[in-house]
Amino acid sequence: MTQMSQDELRIFEKPVISCHDVDALLDDYVEGSLAPSLDERLSAHIDCCEYCRENEELYREVITIAGEIGKEQPQMSLGAKNRLRSALNKELGLKLPLVS
């Protein structure tokens, strides 16, 4: 069983979880790394709080979009690749072969 962090323990011991508490633990909540009992308490708060529910949805959307960045790399034309290789060869004394 994973040991709770100071923030997790402090929030766990509170009788009522606030929106600020959810904000503090949102990344761990989304990653699924909270203790099950704390996860359940945050879920209950998020379910009944429109602000936190929207925050969670936005956070998950940002994570998804961030994960997509860099997956599709634009293809460089052969001409551009060869100009880049020629410039690198000239400036850095490299011997990169041109591509065809």
Protein backbone atom coordinates (compact mmCIF):
# COMPACT_ATOMS: atom_id res chain seq x y z
CA MET A 1 0.00 0.00 0.00
CA THR A 2 1.31 3.44 -0.95
CA GLN A 3 1.97 5.88 1.85
CA MET A 4 -0.05 9.12 1.72
CA SER A 5 1.75 12.41 1.12
CA GLN A 6 1.39 15.22 3.66
CA ASP A 7 -1.24 16.94 1.47
CA GLU A 8 -3.19 13.71 1.01
CA LEU A 9 -3.15 12.99 4.74
CA ARG A 10 -4.17 16.56 5.63
CA ILE A 11 -7.08 16.45 3.19
CA PHE A 12 -8.04 12.90 4.18
CA GLU A 13 -8.38 13.96 7.80
CA LYS A 14 -10.72 16.86 6.98
CA PRO A 15 -14.40 16.22 7.61
CA VAL A 16 -15.38 17.97 4.35
CA ILE A 17 -13.33 18.17 1.15
CA SER A 18 -13.28 21.60 -0.50
CA CYS A 19 -12.78 22.66 -4.12
CA HIS A 20 -9.29 23.83 -3.11
CA ASP A 21 -8.53 20.32 -1.86
CA VAL A 22 -9.67 18.81 -5.15
CA ASP A 23 -7.46 21.28 -7.04
CA ALA A 24 -4.48 20.27 -4.88
CA LEU A 25 -4.93 16.55 -5.64
CA LEU A 26 -6.42 16.67 -9.14
CA ASP A 27 -3.34 15.36 -10.94
CA ASP A 28 -3.02 12.39 -8.57
CA TYR A 29 -6.78 11.79 -8.80
CA VAL A 30 -6.72 11.72 -12.61
CA GLU A 31 -3.65 9.45 -12.62
CA GLY A 32 -5.40 7.09 -10.22
CA SER A 33 -2.59 7.23 -7.67
CA LEU A 34 -4.60 8.23 -4.59
CA ALA A 35 -5.49 5.86 -1.79
CA PRO A 36 -8.89 4.30 -2.61
CA SER A 37 -10.67 5.93 0.34
CA LEU A 38 -9.38 9.39 -0.59
CA ASP A 39 -10.16 8.77 -4.25
CA GLU A 40 -13.77 7.93 -3.28
CA ARG A 41 -14.10 11.14 -1.27
CA LEU A 42 -12.77 13.26 -4.12
CA SER A 43 -15.10 11.46 -6.56
CA ALA A 44 -18.06 12.21 -4.32
CA HIS A 45 -17.16 15.90 -4.18
CA ILE A 46 -16.55 16.11 -7.94
CA ASP A 47 -19.86 14.37 -8.66
CA CYS A 48 -21.83 17.01 -6.77
CA CYS A 49 -19.73 20.12 -7.59
CA GLU A 50 -20.10 21.67 -11.03
CA TYR A 51 -16.89 23.73 -10.67
CA CYS A 52 -14.75 20.69 -9.83
CA ARG A 53 -16.45 18.51 -12.45
CA GLU A 54 -15.67 21.10 -15.15
CA ASN A 55 -12.13 21.44 -13.82
CA GLU A 56 -11.61 17.67 -14.00
CA GLU A 57 -13.00 17.50 -17.54
CA LEU A 58 -10.75 20.38 -18.64
CA TYR A 59 -7.71 18.80 -16.96
CA ARG A 60 -8.34 15.47 -18.72
CA GLU A 61 -8.79 17.29 -22.03
CA VAL A 62 -5.47 19.12 -21.59
CA ILE A 63 -3.74 15.81 -20.78
CA THR A 64 -5.20 14.25 -23.93
CA ILE A 65 -4.20 17.18 -26.13
CA ALA A 66 -0.71 17.31 -24.63
CA GLY A 67 -0.32 13.61 -25.37
CA GLU A 68 -1.18 14.23 -29.01
CA ILE A 69 1.50 16.90 -29.46
CA GLY A 70 4.43 15.50 -31.35
CA LYS A 71 2.70 12.34 -32.52
CA GLU A 72 2.18 13.72 -35.99
CA GLN A 73 5.40 15.25 -37.16
CA PRO A 74 5.21 17.19 -40.39
CA GLN A 75 7.18 15.64 -43.21
CA MET A 76 10.02 17.72 -44.58
CA SER A 77 10.43 17.76 -48.34
CA LEU A 78 13.53 16.10 -49.81
CA GLY A 79 14.73 19.49 -51.00
CA ALA A 80 14.43 20.96 -47.51
CA LYS A 81 16.16 17.92 -45.98
CA ASN A 82 19.06 18.22 -48.42
CA ARG A 83 19.39 22.00 -47.89
CA LEU A 84 19.47 21.39 -44.13
CA ARG A 85 22.03 18.61 -44.46
CA SER A 86 24.20 20.76 -46.77
CA ALA A 87 24.07 23.66 -44.31
CA LEU A 88 24.97 21.38 -41.40
CA ASN A 89 27.81 19.85 -43.41
CA LYS A 90 29.16 23.29 -44.27
CA GLU A 91 28.73 24.94 -40.87
CA LEU A 92 29.72 22.02 -38.66
CA GLY A 93 32.12 20.18 -40.93
CA LEU A 94 29.87 17.13 -41.03
CA LYS A 95 29.55 14.61 -43.84
CA LEU A 96 25.83 13.89 -43.79
CA PRO A 97 24.78 12.18 -47.03
CA LEU A 98 22.08 13.85 -49.12
CA VAL A 99 18.85 11.92 -49.39
CA SER A 100 17.03 11.01 -52.56
